[in-house]
Amino acid sequence: MSLPKDNIPNNLTEEDLNILNSPIGLRHLFADKKVDVDKALRMTQYELELKELQTELVKLQRWAIKNEKKIVILFEGRDAAGKGGAIRRVTAHINPRYFRIVALPKPTEEEQGQWYFQRYVNQLPKPGEIVLFDRSWYNRAVVEPVNGFCTPRQYETFMGQVNEFERMILESDTYLIKFYFSISKEEQERRFKDIKSNPLKKWKMTPVDERAQELWDEYTKYKVKMFEHTDTKLSPWIIIKGDRKTKARVEAIRYILDNIPYTEEN
């Protein structure tokens, strides 16, 4: 099976045609009853680029293991911004023995009486390990104050300590990357509708998600304050535009590869 000549747009290059006639390209071409060449080309290029980047992530992990490097990557952003999907692409092919995805539940009564950062300190990586936080200590910067889950004093205490906390992490020979996945209000609404209408995804909706659109401006206010105070030269925020999931995933992985100075290990 190959690309029907009647469906070939005039602006396709020979390289584009070769990509579309590959097994991956043909799979995307004939995924739907109506052939959409532009979409098929875009998705094939994404899949090929993603595979190449994931191969480099395997090399990065081997380097981290051999050299006992510690890596922390935070995935923050609005609900339905694509954090989980990006994490799945980052971890798809690396060794599960040497990475952890941390998505902490509501703190226990005991944890509520501890120093706020304690439960996160307990999750930091061992030498040779990568830890990916699906939401992190920055819950207290945005989600908690917006939804009334912390007091104003707890919020101010957090904001007064977080930069020093991150400095200590970095000075303990740990790489720290902070991603913020940003989406438009319209795209968030569209994704929520998709989740609610899909019986396989309904479980993703939480009471906090249900109020996200209503509290959009409050989230924005606290997000801006978070950036103003915690986007430092030592520990900057990397903003990923998430309206197009495929582009966001590639951008995040490429940033990791470009900013951790790994070398290929045998």
C-alpha atoms as a PDB file:
ATOM      1  CA  MET A   1       0.000   0.000   0.000  1.00  0.00           C
ATOM      2  CA  SER A   2       1.273   3.499  -0.823  1.00  0.00           C
ATOM      3  CA  LEU A   3       0.037   7.078  -0.961  1.00  0.00           C
ATOM      4  CA  PRO A   4      -2.691   7.424  -3.660  1.00  0.00           C
ATOM      5  CA  LYS A   5      -1.432   9.755  -6.400  1.00  0.00           C
ATOM      6  CA  ASP A   6      -4.754  11.563  -6.552  1.00  0.00           C
ATOM      7  CA  ASN A   7      -4.293  12.646  -2.943  1.00  0.00           C
ATOM      8  CA  ILE A   8      -0.761  14.028  -3.260  1.00  0.00           C
ATOM      9  CA  PRO A   9      -0.653  17.824  -2.699  1.00  0.00           C
ATOM     10  CA  ASN A  10       1.652  19.767  -5.032  1.00  0.00           C
ATOM     11  CA  ASN A  11       3.692  21.274  -2.179  1.00  0.00           C
ATOM     12  CA  LEU A  12       5.085  17.962  -0.909  1.00  0.00           C
ATOM     13  CA  THR A  13       8.817  17.415  -1.238  1.00  0.00           C
ATOM     14  CA  GLU A  14      10.463  14.113  -2.099  1.00  0.00           C
ATOM     15  CA  GLU A  15      11.460  13.790   1.550  1.00  0.00           C
ATOM     16  CA  ASP A  16       7.824  14.302   2.602  1.00  0.00           C
ATOM     17  CA  LEU A  17       6.733  11.553   0.202  1.00  0.00           C
ATOM     18  CA  ASN A  18       9.335   9.148   1.572  1.00  0.00           C
ATOM     19  CA  ILE A  19       8.138   9.864   5.102  1.00  0.00           C
ATOM     20  CA  LEU A  20       4.498   9.311   4.150  1.00  0.00           C
ATOM     21  CA  ASN A  21       5.312   6.055   2.365  1.00  0.00           C
ATOM     22  CA  SER A  22       7.103   4.676   5.422  1.00  0.00           C
ATOM     23  CA  PRO A  23       5.209   2.162   7.608  1.00  0.00           C
ATOM     24  CA  ILE A  24       4.563   4.874  10.212  1.00  0.00           C
ATOM     25  CA  GLY A  25       3.429   7.357   7.553  1.00  0.00           C
ATOM     26  CA  LEU A  26       1.042   4.895   5.932  1.00  0.00           C
ATOM     27  CA  ARG A  27      -0.426   4.023   9.316  1.00  0.00           C
ATOM     28  CA  HIS A  28      -1.249   7.690   9.935  1.00  0.00           C
ATOM     29  CA  LEU A  29      -2.471   8.217   6.364  1.00  0.00           C
ATOM     30  CA  PHE A  30      -5.060   5.481   6.609  1.00  0.00           C
ATOM     31  CA  ALA A  31      -5.966   5.929  10.261  1.00  0.00           C
ATOM     32  CA  ASP A  32      -9.226   7.634   9.234  1.00  0.00           C
ATOM     33  CA  LYS A  33     -11.641   7.001   6.382  1.00  0.00           C
ATOM     34  CA  LYS A  34     -10.876  10.427   4.940  1.00  0.00           C
ATOM     35  CA  VAL A  35      -7.196  10.818   4.080  1.00  0.00           C
ATOM     36  CA  ASP A  36      -5.669  13.969   5.598  1.00  0.00           C
ATOM     37  CA  VAL A  37      -2.175  14.220   4.126  1.00  0.00           C
ATOM     38  CA  ASP A  38      -1.090  17.283   6.102  1.00  0.00           C
ATOM     39  CA  LYS A  39      -2.136  15.731   9.395  1.00  0.00           C
ATOM     40  CA  ALA A  40      -0.542  12.394   8.527  1.00  0.00           C
ATOM     41  CA  LEU A  41       2.736  14.100   7.621  1.00  0.00           C
ATOM     42  CA  ARG A  42       2.709  16.156  10.804  1.00  0.00           C
ATOM     43  CA  MET A  43       1.997  13.140  13.027  1.00  0.00           C
ATOM     44  CA  THR A  44       4.600  10.988  11.277  1.00  0.00           C
ATOM     45  CA  GLN A  45       7.253  13.669  11.625  1.00  0.00           C
ATOM     46  CA  TYR A  46       6.322  13.993  15.303  1.00  0.00           C
ATOM     47  CA  GLU A  47       6.569  10.250  15.900  1.00  0.00           C
ATOM     48  CA  LEU A  48       9.951  10.017  14.152  1.00  0.00           C
ATOM     49  CA  GLU A  49      11.333  13.020  16.032  1.00  0.00           C
ATOM     50  CA  LEU A  50       9.984  11.696  19.330  1.00  0.00           C
ATOM     51  CA  LYS A  51      11.661   8.319  18.753  1.00  0.00           C
ATOM     52  CA  GLU A  52      14.974  10.066  18.098  1.00  0.00           C
ATOM     53  CA  LEU A  53      14.656  12.178  21.257  1.00  0.00           C
ATOM     54  CA  GLN A  54      13.644   9.169  23.366  1.00  0.00           C
ATOM     55  CA  THR A  55      16.759   7.369  22.161  1.00  0.00           C
ATOM     56  CA  GLU A  56      18.802  10.272  23.509  1.00  0.00           C
ATOM     57  CA  LEU A  57      16.936  10.073  26.826  1.00  0.00           C
ATOM     58  CA  VAL A  58      18.114   6.470  27.151  1.00  0.00           C
ATOM     59  CA  LYS A  59      21.694   7.704  26.671  1.00  0.00           C
ATOM     60  CA  LEU A  60      21.150  10.467  29.224  1.00  0.00           C
ATOM     61  CA  GLN A  61      19.871   7.959  31.776  1.00  0.00           C
ATOM     62  CA  ARG A  62      22.828   5.617  31.217  1.00  0.00           C
ATOM     63  CA  TRP A  63      25.154   8.572  31.828  1.00  0.00           C
ATOM     64  CA  ALA A  64      23.251   9.521  35.002  1.00  0.00           C
ATOM     65  CA  ILE A  65      23.432   5.958  36.337  1.00  0.00           C
ATOM     66  CA  LYS A  66      27.125   5.478  35.572  1.00  0.00           C
ATOM     67  CA  ASN A  67      28.100   8.867  37.008  1.00  0.00           C
ATOM     68  CA  GLU A  68      25.626   8.755  39.930  1.00  0.00           C
ATOM     69  CA  LYS A  69      23.912  11.977  38.878  1.00  0.00           C
ATOM     70  CA  LYS A  70      20.646  13.082  40.485  1.00  0.00           C
ATOM     71  CA  ILE A  71      17.950  14.666  38.322  1.00  0.00           C
ATOM     72  CA  VAL A  72      14.685  16.323  39.404  1.00  0.00           C
ATOM     73  CA  ILE A  73      12.122  17.497  36.839  1.00  0.00           C
ATOM     74  CA  LEU A  74       8.982  19.350  37.910  1.00  0.00           C
ATOM     75  CA  PHE A  75       5.871  19.317  35.733  1.00  0.00           C
ATOM     76  CA  GLU A  76       3.521  22.129  36.724  1.00  0.00           C
ATOM     77  CA  GLY A  77       0.663  23.860  34.938  1.00  0.00           C
ATOM     78  CA  ARG A  78      -3.087  24.204  34.787  1.00  0.00           C
ATOM     79  CA  ASP A  79      -5.360  21.184  34.922  1.00  0.00           C
ATOM     80  CA  ALA A  80      -5.467  19.311  31.586  1.00  0.00           C
ATOM     81  CA  ALA A  81      -2.386  21.176  30.320  1.00  0.00           C
ATOM     82  CA  GLY A  82      -0.664  17.960  29.205  1.00  0.00           C
ATOM     83  CA  LYS A  83       1.732  17.313  32.090  1.00  0.00           C
ATOM     84  CA  GLY A  84       0.893  13.627  32.364  1.00  0.00           C
ATOM     85  CA  GLY A  85       1.236  13.003  28.636  1.00  0.00           C
ATOM     86  CA  ALA A  86       4.635  14.696  28.573  1.00  0.00           C
ATOM     87  CA  ILE A  87       5.831  12.608  31.530  1.00  0.00           C
ATOM     88  CA  ARG A  88       4.734   9.410  29.770  1.00  0.00           C
ATOM     89  CA  ARG A  89       6.763  10.325  26.679  1.00  0.00           C
ATOM     90  CA  VAL A  90       9.834  11.164  28.748  1.00  0.00           C
ATOM     91  CA  THR A  91       9.732   7.845  30.603  1.00  0.00           C
ATOM     92  CA  ALA A  92       8.449   5.568  27.822  1.00  0.00           C
ATOM     93  CA  HIS A  93      11.754   3.815  27.093  1.00  0.00           C
ATOM     94  CA  ILE A  94      14.090   4.534  29.984  1.00  0.00           C
ATOM     95  CA  ASN A  95      14.968   1.959  32.644  1.00  0.00           C
ATOM     96  CA  PRO A  96      12.128   1.853  35.224  1.00  0.00           C
ATOM     97  CA  ARG A  97      14.544   0.814  37.964  1.00  0.00           C
ATOM     98  CA  TYR A  98      16.213   4.203  37.857  1.00  0.00           C
ATOM     99  CA  PHE A  99      13.340   6.668  37.617  1.00  0.00           C
ATOM    100  CA  ARG A 100      10.256   7.489  39.670  1.00  0.00           C
ATOM    101  CA  ILE A 101       7.131   9.492  38.914  1.00  0.00           C
ATOM    102  CA  VAL A 102       5.929  11.264  42.049  1.00  0.00           C
ATOM    103  CA  ALA A 103       2.322  12.441  42.284  1.00  0.00           C
ATOM    104  CA  LEU A 104       1.678  12.891  45.990  1.00  0.00           C
ATOM    105  CA  PRO A 105      -1.874  12.673  47.363  1.00  0.00           C
ATOM    106  CA  LYS A 106      -3.383  15.020  49.910  1.00  0.00           C
ATOM    107  CA  PRO A 107      -1.049  15.229  52.949  1.00  0.00           C
ATOM    108  CA  THR A 108      -1.852  13.001  55.888  1.00  0.00           C
ATOM    109  CA  GLU A 109      -2.578  14.464  59.299  1.00  0.00           C
ATOM    110  CA  GLU A 110       1.001  13.678  60.333  1.00  0.00           C
ATOM    111  CA  GLU A 111       2.415  15.357  57.223  1.00  0.00           C
ATOM    112  CA  GLN A 112       0.303  18.442  57.834  1.00  0.00           C
ATOM    113  CA  GLY A 113       2.206  18.935  61.096  1.00  0.00           C
ATOM    114  CA  GLN A 114       5.617  18.638  59.427  1.00  0.00           C
ATOM    115  CA  TRP A 115       7.724  21.233  57.653  1.00  0.00           C
ATOM    116  CA  TYR A 116       5.932  21.696  54.325  1.00  0.00           C
ATOM    117  CA  PHE A 117       8.897  20.584  52.215  1.00  0.00           C
ATOM    118  CA  GLN A 118       9.551  17.426  54.258  1.00  0.00           C
ATOM    119  CA  ARG A 119       7.332  15.110  52.189  1.00  0.00           C
ATOM    120  CA  TYR A 120       9.093  16.320  49.049  1.00  0.00           C
ATOM    121  CA  VAL A 121      12.575  15.929  50.537  1.00  0.00           C
ATOM    122  CA  ASN A 122      11.669  12.281  51.151  1.00  0.00           C
ATOM    123  CA  GLN A 123      11.062  11.858  47.400  1.00  0.00           C
ATOM    124  CA  LEU A 124      14.294  13.403  46.100  1.00  0.00           C
ATOM    125  CA  PRO A 125      16.476  11.123  43.950  1.00  0.00           C
ATOM    126  CA  LYS A 126      19.228   8.785  44.992  1.00  0.00           C
ATOM    127  CA  PRO A 127      22.488   8.937  43.001  1.00  0.00           C
ATOM    128  CA  GLY A 128      21.816   7.684  39.475  1.00  0.00           C
ATOM    129  CA  GLU A 129      18.079   8.320  39.669  1.00  0.00           C
ATOM    130  CA  ILE A 130      15.648  10.596  37.823  1.00  0.00           C
ATOM    131  CA  VAL A 131      12.555  11.798  39.698  1.00  0.00           C
ATOM    132  CA  LEU A 132       9.683  13.426  37.814  1.00  0.00           C
ATOM    133  CA  PHE A 133       7.134  15.337  39.906  1.00  0.00           C
ATOM    134  CA  ASP A 134       3.615  15.405  38.461  1.00  0.00           C
ATOM    135  CA  ARG A 135       2.866  18.541  40.462  1.00  0.00           C
ATOM    136  CA  SER A 136       5.302  19.387  43.216  1.00  0.00           C
ATOM    137  CA  TRP A 137       5.869  21.682  46.173  1.00  0.00           C
ATOM    138  CA  TYR A 138       4.467  24.424  43.932  1.00  0.00           C
ATOM    139  CA  ASN A 139       0.974  23.226  44.840  1.00  0.00           C
ATOM    140  CA  ARG A 140       1.300  25.721  47.667  1.00  0.00           C
ATOM    141  CA  ALA A 141       2.097  28.553  45.249  1.00  0.00           C
ATOM    142  CA  VAL A 142      -1.068  28.249  43.145  1.00  0.00           C
ATOM    143  CA  VAL A 143      -3.499  25.353  43.658  1.00  0.00           C
ATOM    144  CA  GLU A 144      -3.682  25.553  47.453  1.00  0.00           C
ATOM    145  CA  PRO A 145      -4.274  29.303  47.883  1.00  0.00           C
ATOM    146  CA  VAL A 146      -6.736  29.417  44.968  1.00  0.00           C
ATOM    147  CA  ASN A 147      -8.823  26.592  46.457  1.00  0.00           C
ATOM    148  CA  GLY A 148      -8.450  27.580  50.107  1.00  0.00           C
ATOM    149  CA  PHE A 149      -6.296  24.550  51.001  1.00  0.00           C
ATOM    150  CA  CYS A 150      -3.742  26.642  52.909  1.00  0.00           C
ATOM    151  CA  THR A 151      -3.796  29.764  55.061  1.00  0.00           C
ATOM    152  CA  PRO A 152      -2.346  33.109  53.931  1.00  0.00           C
ATOM    153  CA  ARG A 153       0.431  32.633  56.494  1.00  0.00           C
ATOM    154  CA  GLN A 154       1.316  29.180  55.143  1.00  0.00           C
ATOM    155  CA  TYR A 155       1.423  30.618  51.640  1.00  0.00           C
ATOM    156  CA  GLU A 156       3.726  33.486  52.667  1.00  0.00           C
ATOM    157  CA  THR A 157       6.002  31.098  54.581  1.00  0.00           C
ATOM    158  CA  PHE A 158       6.292  28.897  51.504  1.00  0.00           C
ATOM    159  CA  MET A 159       7.105  31.836  49.233  1.00  0.00           C
ATOM    160  CA  GLY A 160       9.765  32.946  51.685  1.00  0.00           C
ATOM    161  CA  GLN A 161      11.451  29.528  51.765  1.00  0.00           C
ATOM    162  CA  VAL A 162      11.100  28.006  48.299  1.00  0.00           C
ATOM    163  CA  ASN A 163      14.027  29.727  46.582  1.00  0.00           C
ATOM    164  CA  GLU A 164      16.387  28.740  49.378  1.00  0.00           C
ATOM    165  CA  PHE A 165      15.027  25.186  49.301  1.00  0.00           C
ATOM    166  CA  GLU A 166      15.794  24.937  45.590  1.00  0.00           C
ATOM    167  CA  ARG A 167      19.241  26.444  46.088  1.00  0.00           C
ATOM    168  CA  MET A 168      19.992  23.663  48.587  1.00  0.00           C
ATOM    169  CA  ILE A 169      18.814  21.019  46.089  1.00  0.00           C
ATOM    170  CA  LEU A 170      21.035  22.439  43.364  1.00  0.00           C
ATOM    171  CA  GLU A 171      24.021  22.714  45.687  1.00  0.00           C
ATOM    172  CA  SER A 172      23.636  19.030  46.592  1.00  0.00           C
ATOM    173  CA  ASP A 173      24.838  18.149  43.076  1.00  0.00           C
ATOM    174  CA  THR A 174      21.320  17.713  41.702  1.00  0.00           C
ATOM    175  CA  TYR A 175      19.969  18.906  38.357  1.00  0.00           C
ATOM    176  CA  LEU A 176      16.625  20.704  38.724  1.00  0.00           C
ATOM    177  CA  ILE A 177      14.341  21.554  35.800  1.00  0.00           C
ATOM    178  CA  LYS A 178      11.008  23.360  36.334  1.00  0.00           C
ATOM    179  CA  PHE A 179       8.450  23.078  33.524  1.00  0.00           C
ATOM    180  CA  TYR A 180       5.199  25.036  33.475  1.00  0.00           C
ATOM    181  CA  PHE A 181       2.701  23.810  30.862  1.00  0.00           C
ATOM    182  CA  SER A 182       0.530  26.719  29.756  1.00  0.00           C
ATOM    183  CA  ILE A 183      -2.748  26.394  27.846  1.00  0.00           C
ATOM    184  CA  SER A 184      -5.519  28.743  26.814  1.00  0.00           C
ATOM    185  CA  LYS A 185      -8.825  28.852  28.648  1.00  0.00           C
ATOM    186  CA  GLU A 186     -10.615  27.673  25.504  1.00  0.00           C
ATOM    187  CA  GLU A 187      -8.325  24.664  25.104  1.00  0.00           C
ATOM    188  CA  GLN A 188      -8.725  23.697  28.756  1.00  0.00           C
ATOM    189  CA  GLU A 189     -12.510  23.817  28.355  1.00  0.00           C
ATOM    190  CA  ARG A 190     -12.313  21.661  25.221  1.00  0.00           C
ATOM    191  CA  ARG A 191     -10.154  19.067  26.992  1.00  0.00           C
ATOM    192  CA  PHE A 192     -12.457  18.968  29.997  1.00  0.00           C
ATOM    193  CA  LYS A 193     -15.413  18.273  27.699  1.00  0.00           C
ATOM    194  CA  ASP A 194     -13.454  15.480  26.029  1.00  0.00           C
ATOM    195  CA  ILE A 195     -12.574  13.941  29.408  1.00  0.00           C
ATOM    196  CA  LYS A 196     -16.158  14.097  30.672  1.00  0.00           C
ATOM    197  CA  SER A 197     -17.560  12.501  27.500  1.00  0.00           C
ATOM    198  CA  ASN A 198     -15.037   9.648  27.464  1.00  0.00           C
ATOM    199  CA  PRO A 199     -15.844   6.794  29.874  1.00  0.00           C
ATOM    200  CA  LEU A 200     -12.155   5.804  29.890  1.00  0.00           C
ATOM    201  CA  LYS A 201     -11.064   9.277  30.982  1.00  0.00           C
ATOM    202  CA  LYS A 202     -13.813  10.365  33.383  1.00  0.00           C
ATOM    203  CA  TRP A 203     -11.749   9.304  36.394  1.00  0.00           C
ATOM    204  CA  LYS A 204      -9.313  12.131  35.632  1.00  0.00           C
ATOM    205  CA  MET A 205     -11.815  14.823  36.595  1.00  0.00           C
ATOM    206  CA  THR A 206     -11.511  15.936  40.214  1.00  0.00           C
ATOM    207  CA  PRO A 207     -13.482  18.493  42.229  1.00  0.00           C
ATOM    208  CA  VAL A 208     -10.539  20.870  41.753  1.00  0.00           C
ATOM    209  CA  ASP A 209     -10.722  20.356  37.974  1.00  0.00           C
ATOM    210  CA  GLU A 210     -14.452  21.066  38.028  1.00  0.00           C
ATOM    211  CA  ARG A 211     -13.796  24.578  39.366  1.00  0.00           C
ATOM    212  CA  ALA A 212     -10.750  25.355  37.206  1.00  0.00           C
ATOM    213  CA  GLN A 213     -12.643  27.343  34.567  1.00  0.00           C
ATOM    214  CA  GLU A 214     -14.614  29.277  37.158  1.00  0.00           C
ATOM    215  CA  LEU A 215     -11.395  30.171  39.018  1.00  0.00           C
ATOM    216  CA  TRP A 216      -9.319  30.862  35.894  1.00  0.00           C
ATOM    217  CA  ASP A 217      -8.475  34.455  36.829  1.00  0.00           C
ATOM    218  CA  GLU A 218      -7.511  33.480  40.396  1.00  0.00           C
ATOM    219  CA  TYR A 219      -5.142  30.847  39.015  1.00  0.00           C
ATOM    220  CA  THR A 220      -3.670  33.479  36.728  1.00  0.00           C
ATOM    221  CA  LYS A 221      -3.112  35.900  39.619  1.00  0.00           C
ATOM    222  CA  TYR A 222      -1.210  33.362  41.711  1.00  0.00           C
ATOM    223  CA  LYS A 223       0.656  32.000  38.686  1.00  0.00           C
ATOM    224  CA  VAL A 224       1.986  35.495  37.930  1.00  0.00           C
ATOM    225  CA  LYS A 225       3.061  35.947  41.550  1.00  0.00           C
ATOM    226  CA  MET A 226       4.800  32.568  41.448  1.00  0.00           C
ATOM    227  CA  PHE A 227       6.760  33.479  38.337  1.00  0.00           C
ATOM    228  CA  GLU A 228       7.707  36.896  39.707  1.00  0.00           C
ATOM    229  CA  HIS A 229       9.115  35.422  42.905  1.00  0.00           C
ATOM    230  CA  THR A 230      10.506  32.027  41.899  1.00  0.00           C
ATOM    231  CA  ASP A 231      11.737  32.474  38.331  1.00  0.00           C
ATOM    232  CA  THR A 232      15.361  32.962  39.369  1.00  0.00           C
ATOM    233  CA  LYS A 233      18.634  32.870  37.470  1.00  0.00           C
ATOM    234  CA  LEU A 234      19.667  29.835  39.502  1.00  0.00           C
ATOM    235  CA  SER A 235      16.339  28.003  39.078  1.00  0.00           C
ATOM    236  CA  PRO A 236      14.319  29.406  36.153  1.00  0.00           C
ATOM    237  CA  TRP A 237      10.867  28.399  34.972  1.00  0.00           C
ATOM    238  CA  ILE A 238      10.618  26.894  31.493  1.00  0.00           C
ATOM    239  CA  ILE A 239       7.221  27.754  30.042  1.00  0.00           C
ATOM    240  CA  ILE A 240       5.904  25.196  27.558  1.00  0.00           C
ATOM    241  CA  LYS A 241       2.951  26.244  25.396  1.00  0.00           C
ATOM    242  CA  GLY A 242       0.654  23.248  25.632  1.00  0.00           C
ATOM    243  CA  ASP A 243      -2.246  23.880  23.266  1.00  0.00           C
ATOM    244  CA  ARG A 244      -0.623  21.499  20.795  1.00  0.00           C
ATOM    245  CA  LYS A 245       0.348  18.442  22.833  1.00  0.00           C
ATOM    246  CA  THR A 246       2.798  16.945  20.345  1.00  0.00           C
ATOM    247  CA  LYS A 247       4.824  20.139  20.053  1.00  0.00           C
ATOM    248  CA  ALA A 248       4.851  20.604  23.829  1.00  0.00           C
ATOM    249  CA  ARG A 249       6.183  17.088  24.441  1.00  0.00           C
ATOM    250  CA  VAL A 250       8.994  17.487  21.937  1.00  0.00           C
ATOM    251  CA  GLU A 251       9.918  20.899  23.325  1.00  0.00           C
ATOM    252  CA  ALA A 252      10.109  19.585  26.896  1.00  0.00           C
ATOM    253  CA  ILE A 253      12.261  16.580  26.001  1.00  0.00           C
ATOM    254  CA  ARG A 254      14.556  18.681  23.847  1.00  0.00           C
ATOM    255  CA  TYR A 255      15.056  21.122  26.729  1.00  0.00           C
ATOM    256  CA  ILE A 256      16.035  18.266  29.069  1.00  0.00           C
ATOM    257  CA  LEU A 257      18.559  16.945  26.557  1.00  0.00           C
ATOM    258  CA  ASP A 258      19.985  20.393  25.837  1.00  0.00           C
ATOM    259  CA  ASN A 259      20.410  21.379  29.481  1.00  0.00           C
ATOM    260  CA  ILE A 260      21.794  18.278  31.160  1.00  0.00           C
ATOM    261  CA  PRO A 261      25.393  17.822  29.924  1.00  0.00           C
ATOM    262  CA  TYR A 262      25.298  14.062  29.397  1.00  0.00           C
ATOM    263  CA  THR A 263      27.726  12.088  27.259  1.00  0.00           C
ATOM    264  CA  GLU A 264      27.166   8.751  25.538  1.00  0.00           C
ATOM    265  CA  GLU A 265      28.116   5.831  27.767  1.00  0.00           C
ATOM    266  CA  ASN A 266      29.072   2.384  26.517  1.00  0.00           C
END
